[in-house]
């Protein structure tokens, strides 16, 4: 009986295997280089200019030095004129290359230990891919493409194991913001922040306010990267929520002090509604008026602001969609220390109804007429803050329960990184900020504002004693024809400029 011989598969010599590996690596490197040049035309222009300068170096030696000099000057101007962009694109990327050495060693072990790997087709294990690392002074930022079947919750729960293996203090996970990867697979891409050192652990003093306040980006807090967080006020309403002692007063006074030079110049008018009659007397000179009487007086004040809003609306009709503050028609900022005292806790039913109606009109229409409402509250329940959805910027400080986070900041806010219930009682002033249209919360800390700092700011920038009239009465222009110029949406986009470390808070 004969047995047919089975031919053995051809063996690939090790030399051919090395050659194939080298060709594949060169192809991948070439493709990445082409993609980097095509996706960034400026790089392509500089490369073409440099190659041309080298080609003509023998005939025109000065051309190469001129090109190199122009490149150095361009980098210097970039670092001087746009420091935030320079740090992110150059400094953070360079530091990220160094940090990547540690991740190459521990990344697969961290994923395997946290159970975030999966089975491959050939019986091996597959691991989620990681993007380039951007390493700030305090944290590492990168994106991860999750494996099919994984969720953001899986990564959030695995955060402590990842932090231990990677040698960082904390790992935060949130859904990816719009970008190149998120367009391809938005449900599989997450943003990961590995905190090496918490920039918000220590308090910082109140910074000196700018002589001309930027109403589209007031530097009132510090992010966990050590950058300045700029709060948009013109065209926005701000809601501040937090438990007792969380530091809501720090948010209010940081905002007030940053607006103080505008109060002195007449570009901003502050009106305080203080049901407790305890918060605003320290800096009363910075306010055009502080209303701290009965509910009826507060209702009168809010209704007066509605009248101002209607007058400005009539002047702007057909001319502009956003009022530009001037000395004649300034930005009006209404600051409410305890919103629930106006909307829920008052026993005067008639005044309560008037307050709710006037407040609803101001929140729904006032921001286009340069009337902004800044309100603080302790209780985030819907029956207490029924109009919280009309606030375009919401700041969540330390809260008692996890369910309070979504009630205050909006549905799904906690899943997007706003862990207000985990803020320590020792870090008053730490908060998470959510803006309408933002995909994730921003963790910040507001500076400690002492009583002496408030009094100094009031003495330095206060226009004089507060008016004695029972209701605020912003002056109308004599001719009745003052209107704001037309401004498009891009005017309201602030330029984020980084600054230094975190801050404390005043409760």
Protein backbone atom coordinates (compact mmCIF):
# COMPACT_ATOMS: atom_id res chain seq x y z
CA UNK A 1 0.00 0.00 0.00
CA UNK A 2 1.43 3.28 -1.08
CA UNK A 3 1.14 6.54 0.92
CA UNK A 4 1.06 9.81 -0.90
CA UNK A 5 3.57 12.31 0.38
CA UNK A 6 2.13 15.61 1.63
CA UNK A 7 4.14 18.55 0.36
CA UNK A 8 5.47 20.80 3.12
CA UNK A 9 4.72 24.52 2.94
CA UNK A 10 7.58 26.55 1.59
CA UNK A 11 9.83 28.04 4.23
CA UNK A 12 10.71 31.66 4.15
CA UNK A 13 14.35 32.26 4.81
CA UNK A 14 15.15 34.68 7.58
CA UNK A 15 16.79 37.06 5.12
CA UNK A 16 13.61 37.39 3.09
CA UNK A 17 11.63 37.82 6.31
CA UNK A 18 13.86 40.70 7.42
CA UNK A 19 13.61 42.30 4.00
CA UNK A 20 9.81 42.08 4.04
CA UNK A 21 9.67 43.58 7.51
CA UNK A 22 11.95 46.45 6.45
CA UNK A 23 9.87 47.15 3.33
CA UNK A 24 6.67 47.18 5.38
CA UNK A 25 8.20 49.55 7.95
CA UNK A 26 9.46 51.89 5.24
CA UNK A 27 6.05 51.87 3.55
CA UNK A 28 4.27 52.71 6.80
CA UNK A 29 6.78 55.49 7.58
CA UNK A 30 6.45 56.93 4.09
CA UNK A 31 2.65 56.89 4.30
CA UNK A 32 2.69 58.62 7.70
CA UNK A 33 5.05 61.28 6.32
CA UNK A 34 2.83 61.87 3.30
CA UNK A 35 -0.26 62.09 5.50
CA UNK A 36 1.44 64.52 7.89
CA UNK A 37 2.36 66.79 4.98
CA UNK A 38 -0.99 66.59 3.20
CA UNK A 39 -3.01 67.17 6.37
CA UNK A 40 -0.85 70.19 7.30
CA UNK A 41 -0.18 72.32 4.20
CA UNK A 42 2.11 74.66 6.15
CA UNK A 43 4.52 71.80 6.74
CA UNK A 44 4.47 70.97 3.04
CA UNK A 45 5.27 74.57 2.11
CA UNK A 46 8.19 74.72 4.56
CA UNK A 47 9.56 71.38 3.34
CA UNK A 48 9.36 72.47 -0.30
CA UNK A 49 11.05 75.76 0.55
CA UNK A 50 13.82 74.00 2.48
CA UNK A 51 14.43 71.47 -0.32
CA UNK A 52 14.59 74.30 -2.88
CA UNK A 53 17.06 76.21 -0.70
CA UNK A 54 19.30 73.13 -0.40
CA UNK A 55 19.13 72.53 -4.15
CA UNK A 56 20.35 76.04 -4.97
CA UNK A 57 22.82 76.20 -2.08
CA UNK A 58 25.89 75.88 -4.33
CA UNK A 59 24.87 78.84 -6.50
CA UNK A 60 23.14 80.93 -3.80
CA UNK A 61 24.51 79.97 -0.36
CA UNK A 62 22.65 82.77 1.40
CA UNK A 63 19.23 81.35 0.48
CA UNK A 64 19.54 78.37 2.84
CA UNK A 65 20.56 80.55 5.78
CA UNK A 66 17.75 82.98 5.00
CA UNK A 67 15.19 80.16 5.01
CA UNK A 68 16.52 78.74 8.28
CA UNK A 69 16.54 82.20 9.85
CA UNK A 70 12.97 82.85 8.70
CA UNK A 71 11.93 79.53 10.23
CA UNK A 72 13.49 80.41 13.58
CA UNK A 73 11.88 83.83 13.54
CA UNK A 74 8.52 82.24 12.72
CA UNK A 75 8.83 79.83 15.64
CA UNK A 76 9.77 82.71 17.94
CA UNK A 77 6.78 84.78 16.85
CA UNK A 78 4.55 81.74 17.32
CA UNK A 79 5.81 81.21 20.88
CA UNK A 80 5.44 84.93 21.70
CA UNK A 81 2.13 85.69 20.03
CA UNK A 82 0.27 82.40 20.58
CA UNK A 83 1.93 80.80 23.65
CA UNK A 84 -0.95 78.39 24.34
CA UNK A 85 -0.83 76.93 20.84
CA UNK A 86 2.98 76.74 20.94
CA UNK A 87 2.98 74.87 24.23
CA UNK A 88 0.38 72.38 23.04
CA UNK A 89 1.91 71.73 19.62
CA UNK A 90 5.59 71.88 20.52
CA UNK A 91 6.31 71.62 24.25
CA UNK A 92 3.55 69.15 25.08
CA UNK A 93 4.36 66.97 22.07
CA UNK A 94 8.07 66.91 22.89
CA UNK A 95 7.35 66.02 26.52
CA UNK A 96 4.86 63.42 25.29
CA UNK A 97 7.59 61.67 23.29
CA UNK A 98 9.54 61.19 26.51
CA UNK A 99 6.47 60.02 28.42
CA UNK A 100 5.70 57.54 25.62
CA UNK A 101 8.76 55.49 26.65
CA UNK A 102 7.07 54.66 29.95
CA UNK A 103 3.76 53.89 28.26
CA UNK A 104 5.41 51.49 25.81
CA UNK A 105 6.68 49.51 28.75
CA UNK A 106 3.53 49.42 30.88
CA UNK A 107 0.59 50.06 28.52
CA UNK A 108 -0.15 46.44 27.57
CA UNK A 109 0.34 45.26 31.15
CA UNK A 110 -2.05 47.94 32.40
CA UNK A 111 -4.75 46.98 29.89
CA UNK A 112 -4.35 43.28 30.62
CA UNK A 113 -4.47 43.78 34.37
CA UNK A 114 -7.61 45.91 34.11
CA UNK A 115 -9.32 43.41 31.81
CA UNK A 116 -9.50 45.81 28.87
CA UNK A 117 -7.89 43.47 26.34
CA UNK A 118 -9.75 40.94 24.21
CA UNK A 119 -9.29 37.70 22.26
CA UNK A 120 -7.87 37.89 18.75
CA UNK A 121 -8.69 35.83 15.68
CA UNK A 122 -5.56 33.70 16.01
CA UNK A 123 -5.98 32.92 19.68
CA UNK A 124 -3.76 35.79 20.83
CA UNK A 125 -4.77 38.90 22.77
CA UNK A 126 -5.62 42.25 21.18
CA UNK A 127 -5.29 45.60 22.93
CA UNK A 128 -6.90 49.03 22.39
CA UNK A 129 -4.83 51.46 20.33
CA UNK A 130 -3.44 54.64 21.82
CA UNK A 131 -2.79 57.95 20.05
CA UNK A 132 0.17 60.33 20.40
CA UNK A 133 0.59 61.66 23.94
CA UNK A 134 0.32 65.37 24.74
CA UNK A 135 2.03 65.81 28.11
CA UNK A 136 1.44 69.01 30.03
CA UNK A 137 3.24 69.91 33.22
CA UNK A 138 0.73 68.00 35.31
CA UNK A 139 -1.04 65.43 33.10
CA UNK A 140 -0.82 63.20 30.01
CA UNK A 141 -3.57 63.50 27.38
CA UNK A 142 -4.23 60.92 24.68
CA UNK A 143 -7.02 59.14 22.87
CA UNK A 144 -7.86 55.45 22.87
CA UNK A 145 -9.88 53.46 20.37
CA UNK A 146 -11.82 50.97 22.48
CA UNK A 147 -12.39 47.39 21.40
CA UNK A 148 -15.86 46.44 20.13
CA UNK A 149 -18.11 45.68 23.08
CA UNK A 150 -16.37 48.04 25.49
CA UNK A 151 -18.07 51.12 26.95
CA UNK A 152 -16.91 54.31 28.58
CA UNK A 153 -18.17 52.94 31.91
CA UNK A 154 -15.81 49.98 31.61
CA UNK A 155 -12.86 52.34 31.31
CA UNK A 156 -14.07 54.60 34.11
CA UNK A 157 -14.35 51.60 36.45
CA UNK A 158 -10.87 50.42 35.42
CA UNK A 159 -9.34 53.84 36.16
CA UNK A 160 -7.78 52.89 39.55
CA UNK A 161 -6.05 49.79 38.10
CA UNK A 162 -4.73 51.76 35.12
CA UNK A 163 -3.42 54.50 37.41
CA UNK A 164 -1.58 52.02 39.63
CA UNK A 165 0.14 50.24 36.73
CA UNK A 166 1.00 53.41 34.78
CA UNK A 167 2.41 55.09 37.87
CA UNK A 168 0.07 58.11 37.90
CA UNK A 169 -2.19 59.43 40.63
CA UNK A 170 -5.47 59.25 38.70
CA UNK A 171 -6.86 58.29 35.30
CA UNK A 172 -9.92 60.15 34.00
CA UNK A 173 -11.95 58.96 31.02
CA UNK A 174 -14.63 60.74 29.00
CA UNK A 175 -16.15 60.45 25.52
CA UNK A 176 -13.96 61.91 22.81
CA UNK A 177 -14.47 65.48 21.65
CA UNK A 178 -14.94 66.04 17.89
CA UNK A 179 -11.80 65.11 15.99
CA UNK A 180 -10.29 62.94 13.28
CA UNK A 181 -10.82 59.67 15.11
CA UNK A 182 -14.23 60.52 16.54
CA UNK A 183 -15.60 61.15 13.03
CA UNK A 184 -14.76 57.56 12.06
CA UNK A 185 -15.98 55.76 15.19
CA UNK A 186 -17.43 58.23 17.71
CA UNK A 187 -18.73 55.51 20.02
CA UNK A 188 -15.39 53.71 20.24
CA UNK A 189 -13.10 56.66 20.90
CA UNK A 190 -12.45 58.10 24.36
CA UNK A 191 -10.24 60.85 25.75
CA UNK A 192 -7.96 59.70 28.57
CA UNK A 193 -6.26 62.06 31.02
CA UNK A 194 -3.59 60.57 33.27
CA UNK A 195 -2.94 62.95 36.18
CA UNK A 196 0.68 62.83 37.29
CA UNK A 197 0.31 65.66 39.82
CA UNK A 198 -2.87 67.50 40.76
CA UNK A 199 -2.44 71.17 39.89
CA UNK A 200 -5.61 71.98 41.84
CA UNK A 201 -4.51 70.51 45.17
CA UNK A 202 -3.21 73.82 46.56
CA UNK A 203 -4.82 77.23 46.70
CA UNK A 204 -3.58 80.25 44.78
CA UNK A 205 -4.16 83.94 45.45
CA UNK A 206 -6.57 86.04 43.47
CA UNK A 207 -4.87 87.32 40.28
CA UNK A 208 -4.80 90.99 39.43
CA UNK A 209 -7.71 91.83 37.07
CA UNK A 210 -7.02 93.19 33.60
CA UNK A 211 -7.54 96.91 33.11
CA UNK A 212 -9.92 96.17 30.24
CA UNK A 213 -11.90 93.01 31.08
CA UNK A 214 -12.43 90.56 28.25
CA UNK A 215 -16.16 89.93 28.54
CA UNK A 216 -15.91 86.93 26.21
CA UNK A 217 -13.20 85.22 28.27
CA UNK A 218 -12.66 86.27 31.90
CA UNK A 219 -9.72 84.41 33.52
CA UNK A 220 -11.48 83.41 36.74
CA UNK A 221 -10.13 79.91 37.42
CA UNK A 222 -7.31 77.45 36.75
CA UNK A 223 -7.57 74.11 34.94
CA UNK A 224 -5.85 70.90 36.01
CA UNK A 225 -3.17 71.54 33.35
CA UNK A 226 -2.26 74.78 35.12
CA UNK A 227 -3.89 76.89 32.40
CA UNK A 228 -6.23 79.80 32.97
CA UNK A 229 -9.88 78.96 32.44
CA UNK A 230 -11.71 81.81 30.73
CA UNK A 231 -15.40 82.16 31.48
CA UNK A 232 -17.67 83.52 28.76
CA UNK A 233 -20.01 86.10 30.24
CA UNK A 234 -21.18 88.31 27.37
CA UNK A 235 -24.07 86.50 25.74
CA UNK A 236 -24.25 83.84 28.49
CA UNK A 237 -25.91 83.07 31.82
CA UNK A 238 -24.03 81.23 34.58
CA UNK A 239 -25.45 78.83 37.18
CA UNK A 240 -23.31 77.80 40.17
CA UNK A 241 -24.31 74.82 42.30
CA UNK A 242 -22.69 73.16 45.27
CA UNK A 243 -23.13 71.98 48.82
CA UNK A 244 -22.50 74.17 51.83
CA UNK A 245 -18.81 75.03 52.07
CA UNK A 246 -18.07 73.99 48.48
CA UNK A 247 -16.84 77.47 47.54
CA UNK A 248 -19.68 79.15 45.63
CA UNK A 249 -18.58 82.47 47.06
CA UNK A 250 -15.18 82.08 45.42
CA UNK A 251 -16.83 81.77 42.02
CA UNK A 252 -18.98 84.85 42.59
CA UNK A 253 -16.19 87.05 43.92
CA UNK A 254 -13.63 85.90 41.36
CA UNK A 255 -16.07 86.96 38.67
CA UNK A 256 -16.89 90.25 40.43
CA UNK A 257 -13.24 91.21 40.95
CA UNK A 258 -12.36 90.37 37.33
CA UNK A 259 -15.17 92.72 36.23
CA UNK A 260 -14.14 95.49 38.68
CA UNK A 261 -12.10 97.56 36.15
CA UNK A 262 -15.11 97.49 33.84
CA UNK A 263 -17.29 98.72 36.68
CA UNK A 264 -14.93 101.65 37.21
CA UNK A 265 -14.93 102.56 33.49
CA UNK A 266 -18.70 102.22 33.23
CA UNK A 267 -18.61 99.34 30.74
CA UNK A 268 -20.16 96.97 33.32
CA UNK A 269 -22.89 97.46 35.89
CA UNK A 270 -23.30 94.97 38.71
CA UNK A 271 -26.53 94.42 40.60
CA UNK A 272 -26.62 92.03 43.52
CA UNK A 273 -29.68 90.19 44.81
CA UNK A 274 -28.74 88.93 48.25
CA UNK A 275 -31.61 87.29 50.16
CA UNK A 276 -29.29 86.46 53.10
CA UNK A 277 -27.96 90.06 53.26
CA UNK A 278 -24.53 88.63 54.19
CA UNK A 279 -22.50 88.01 51.01
CA UNK A 280 -22.33 91.29 49.10
CA UNK A 281 -21.85 93.96 51.83
CA UNK A 282 -18.08 93.31 51.78
CA UNK A 283 -17.76 94.77 48.28
CA UNK A 284 -20.93 96.84 48.06
CA UNK A 285 -19.12 99.72 46.38
CA UNK A 286 -18.53 97.53 43.33
CA UNK A 287 -22.29 97.19 42.83
CA UNK A 288 -24.58 99.80 41.42
CA UNK A 289 -27.08 98.42 43.90
CA UNK A 290 -27.55 95.49 46.24
CA UNK A 291 -31.16 94.38 46.73
CA UNK A 292 -31.55 92.42 49.95
CA UNK A 293 -35.03 93.30 51.12
CA UNK A 294 -38.33 91.50 50.82
CA UNK A 295 -39.39 89.32 47.91
CA UNK A 296 -41.49 92.14 46.48
CA UNK A 297 -38.42 94.40 46.21
CA UNK A 298 -36.51 91.66 44.40
CA UNK A 299 -39.43 91.16 42.02
CA UNK A 300 -39.48 94.92 41.32
CA UNK A 301 -35.77 94.83 40.48
CA UNK A 302 -36.08 91.88 38.10
CA UNK A 303 -39.07 93.47 36.37
CA UNK A 304 -37.06 96.65 35.89
CA UNK A 305 -34.33 94.66 34.13
CA UNK A 306 -37.01 93.21 31.88
CA UNK A 307 -38.02 96.79 30.97
CA UNK A 308 -34.41 97.60 30.10
CA UNK A 309 -34.26 94.44 28.01
CA UNK A 310 -37.42 95.37 26.11
CA UNK A 311 -36.10 98.88 25.43
CA UNK A 312 -32.82 97.55 24.06
CA UNK A 313 -34.69 94.98 22.01
CA UNK A 314 -36.74 97.72 20.36
CA UNK A 315 -33.59 99.69 19.55
CA UNK A 316 -31.81 96.64 18.09
CA UNK A 317 -34.69 95.35 15.98
CA UNK A 318 -33.53 95.00 12.38
CA UNK A 319 -30.06 96.38 13.21
CA UNK A 320 -28.22 93.83 15.35
CA UNK A 321 -28.78 90.46 16.98
CA UNK A 322 -26.34 91.00 19.86
CA UNK A 323 -25.92 94.17 21.88
CA UNK A 324 -22.32 95.37 22.21
CA UNK A 325 -21.76 96.96 25.65
CA UNK A 326 -20.85 100.64 25.74
CA UNK A 327 -20.56 103.16 28.55
CA UNK A 328 -24.00 104.49 27.61
CA UNK A 329 -25.51 101.00 27.38
CA UNK A 330 -23.23 98.78 29.51
CA UNK A 331 -23.25 95.07 30.21
CA UNK A 332 -25.70 94.45 33.06
CA UNK A 333 -24.76 91.55 35.33
CA UNK A 334 -27.41 90.41 37.82
CA UNK A 335 -25.81 88.28 40.54
CA UNK A 336 -28.13 86.19 42.74
CA UNK A 337 -26.53 84.70 45.84
CA UNK A 338 -29.21 82.06 46.56
CA UNK A 339 -31.54 81.38 43.65
CA UNK A 340 -33.80 79.01 45.58
CA UNK A 341 -34.71 81.82 47.97
CA UNK A 342 -36.32 83.62 45.02
CA UNK A 343 -37.91 80.71 43.18
CA UNK A 344 -38.94 78.23 45.90
CA UNK A 345 -38.50 79.36 49.48
CA UNK A 346 -40.38 82.66 49.39
CA UNK A 347 -43.81 82.63 51.03
CA UNK A 348 -45.18 85.59 49.08
CA UNK A 349 -47.05 83.81 46.27
CA UNK A 350 -47.64 86.97 44.24
CA UNK A 351 -43.98 88.01 44.45
CA UNK A 352 -42.88 84.44 43.67
CA UNK A 353 -44.94 84.39 40.49
CA UNK A 354 -43.59 87.78 39.42
CA UNK A 355 -40.01 86.65 40.10
CA UNK A 356 -40.40 83.45 38.09
CA UNK A 357 -41.93 85.33 35.15
CA UNK A 358 -39.31 88.09 35.09
CA UNK A 359 -36.45 85.66 35.62
CA UNK A 360 -37.70 83.43 32.81
CA UNK A 361 -37.81 86.39 30.42
CA UNK A 362 -34.29 87.48 31.37
CA UNK A 363 -32.85 83.98 31.01
CA UNK A 364 -34.53 83.29 27.68
CA UNK A 365 -33.97 86.69 26.01
CA UNK A 366 -31.68 88.88 28.10
CA UNK A 367 -28.28 87.57 27.02
CA UNK A 368 -28.74 88.91 23.47
CA UNK A 369 -29.36 92.36 25.00
CA UNK A 370 -26.17 92.14 27.15
CA UNK A 371 -28.01 91.29 30.36
CA UNK A 372 -26.39 88.30 32.04
CA UNK A 373 -27.66 86.46 35.11
CA UNK A 374 -25.19 84.75 37.46
CA UNK A 375 -26.94 82.67 40.12
CA UNK A 376 -25.76 80.38 42.91
CA UNK A 377 -27.77 77.57 44.51
CA UNK A 378 -27.31 74.68 46.93
CA UNK A 379 -30.20 72.42 45.96
CA UNK A 380 -30.07 71.16 42.35
CA UNK A 381 -33.51 69.53 42.35
CA UNK A 382 -35.82 70.38 39.46
CA UNK A 383 -38.55 71.76 41.69
CA UNK A 384 -36.00 74.21 43.09
CA UNK A 385 -34.11 75.05 39.87
CA UNK A 386 -36.86 74.67 37.32
CA UNK A 387 -35.17 77.09 34.89
CA UNK A 388 -31.63 75.67 35.07
CA UNK A 389 -31.76 74.58 31.40
CA UNK A 390 -31.78 78.27 30.40
CA UNK A 391 -28.31 78.80 31.90
CA UNK A 392 -25.79 78.31 29.09
CA UNK A 393 -22.86 77.75 31.49
CA UNK A 394 -23.25 75.57 34.56
CA UNK A 395 -20.62 75.17 37.27
CA UNK A 396 -20.85 72.15 39.54
CA UNK A 397 -18.91 72.26 42.80
CA UNK A 398 -18.87 69.60 45.49
CA UNK A 399 -22.22 67.82 45.61
CA UNK A 400 -23.51 65.30 48.14
CA UNK A 401 -24.80 62.61 45.78
CA UNK A 402 -23.92 61.28 42.35
CA UNK A 403 -27.47 61.85 41.13
CA UNK A 404 -27.19 65.57 41.89
CA UNK A 405 -24.54 65.97 39.17
CA UNK A 406 -26.89 65.27 36.26
CA UNK A 407 -29.65 67.32 37.89
CA UNK A 408 -27.39 70.35 38.03
CA UNK A 409 -25.17 70.07 34.96
CA UNK A 410 -27.50 68.17 32.62
CA UNK A 411 -28.25 64.61 31.64
CA UNK A 412 -25.12 62.48 31.21
CA UNK A 413 -22.78 65.09 32.70
CA UNK A 414 -21.28 62.66 35.20
CA UNK A 415 -20.57 60.11 32.46
CA UNK A 416 -18.74 62.88 30.57
CA UNK A 417 -16.33 63.46 33.41
CA UNK A 418 -18.12 65.72 35.92
CA UNK A 419 -17.44 63.85 39.17
CA UNK A 420 -18.73 66.56 41.49
CA UNK A 421 -19.70 64.03 44.17
CA UNK A 422 -16.04 62.95 44.47
CA UNK A 423 -14.62 66.41 45.17
CA UNK A 424 -12.93 66.45 48.56
CA UNK A 425 -14.13 68.72 51.35
CA UNK A 426 -10.50 69.84 51.69
CA UNK A 427 -10.42 71.33 48.18
CA UNK A 428 -13.10 74.00 48.37
CA UNK A 429 -13.27 75.90 45.09
CA UNK A 430 -12.74 72.87 42.82
CA UNK A 431 -15.53 72.56 40.27
CA UNK A 432 -16.53 71.09 36.92
CA UNK A 433 -17.74 73.47 34.20
CA UNK A 434 -20.19 72.46 31.49
CA UNK A 435 -21.09 74.75 28.58
CA UNK A 436 -23.88 74.25 26.11
CA UNK A 437 -22.48 72.37 23.13
CA UNK A 438 -19.46 71.01 25.03
CA UNK A 439 -18.93 67.26 24.94
CA UNK A 440 -17.08 67.02 28.26
CA UNK A 441 -16.75 68.79 31.59
CA UNK A 442 -13.68 70.88 32.45
CA UNK A 443 -12.22 70.52 35.95
CA UNK A 444 -11.09 73.85 37.40
CA UNK A 445 -10.39 75.54 40.71
CA UNK A 446 -11.39 79.07 41.63
CA UNK A 447 -9.04 81.21 43.71
CA UNK A 448 -9.44 82.01 47.36
CA UNK A 449 -10.89 85.51 47.79
CA UNK A 450 -10.44 86.85 51.29
CA UNK A 451 -12.55 89.57 52.87
CA UNK A 452 -9.59 91.95 52.77
CA UNK A 453 -9.11 91.30 49.03
CA UNK A 454 -12.77 92.11 48.45
CA UNK A 455 -12.52 95.37 50.40
CA UNK A 456 -9.31 96.34 48.59
CA UNK A 457 -10.95 95.74 45.20
CA UNK A 458 -13.98 97.76 46.27
CA UNK A 459 -11.81 100.68 47.39
CA UNK A 460 -9.68 100.56 44.24
CA UNK A 461 -12.33 100.05 41.58
CA UNK A 462 -15.58 101.07 43.24
CA UNK A 463 -17.25 104.02 41.48
CA UNK A 464 -18.64 105.30 44.76
CA UNK A 465 -21.32 104.55 47.33
CA UNK A 466 -24.15 102.34 46.17
CA UNK A 467 -27.28 104.24 45.04
CA UNK A 468 -30.01 104.54 47.64
CA UNK A 469 -32.87 103.89 45.20
CA UNK A 470 -34.82 100.71 46.00
CA UNK A 471 -34.48 99.36 42.47
CA UNK A 472 -31.61 99.47 39.95
CA UNK A 473 -32.11 102.08 37.25
CA UNK A 474 -29.52 101.89 34.45
CA UNK A 475 -29.31 105.20 32.64
CA UNK A 476 -30.86 105.30 29.20
CA UNK A 477 -29.01 107.21 26.46
CA UNK A 478 -30.25 110.76 25.94
CA UNK A 479 -31.00 110.36 22.26
CA UNK A 480 -32.61 106.90 22.68
CA UNK A 481 -30.87 105.68 19.54
CA UNK A 482 -27.79 103.90 20.89
CA UNK A 483 -27.48 100.47 19.42
CA UNK A 484 -24.81 97.81 19.32
CA UNK A 485 -22.97 96.86 16.17
CA UNK A 486 -23.67 93.53 14.57
CA UNK A 487 -21.52 90.72 15.88
CA UNK A 488 -21.39 87.19 14.56
CA UNK A 489 -20.98 84.05 16.62
CA UNK A 490 -17.19 83.96 16.22
CA UNK A 491 -16.92 87.18 18.23
CA UNK A 492 -18.05 85.28 21.31
CA UNK A 493 -15.28 82.67 21.10
CA UNK A 494 -12.56 83.41 23.66
CA UNK A 495 -8.90 82.67 23.20
CA UNK A 496 -7.81 80.30 25.93
CA UNK A 497 -4.54 81.35 27.44
CA UNK A 498 -2.93 79.00 29.95
CA UNK A 499 -1.77 80.18 33.35
CA UNK A 500 -0.55 78.58 36.54
CA UNK A 501 -1.78 76.20 39.23
CA UNK A 502 -5.04 75.68 41.19
CA UNK A 503 -6.95 77.62 43.75
CA UNK A 504 -9.06 77.51 46.81
CA UNK A 505 -12.45 78.87 47.61
CA UNK A 506 -14.62 81.00 49.74
CA UNK A 507 -17.77 79.29 50.93
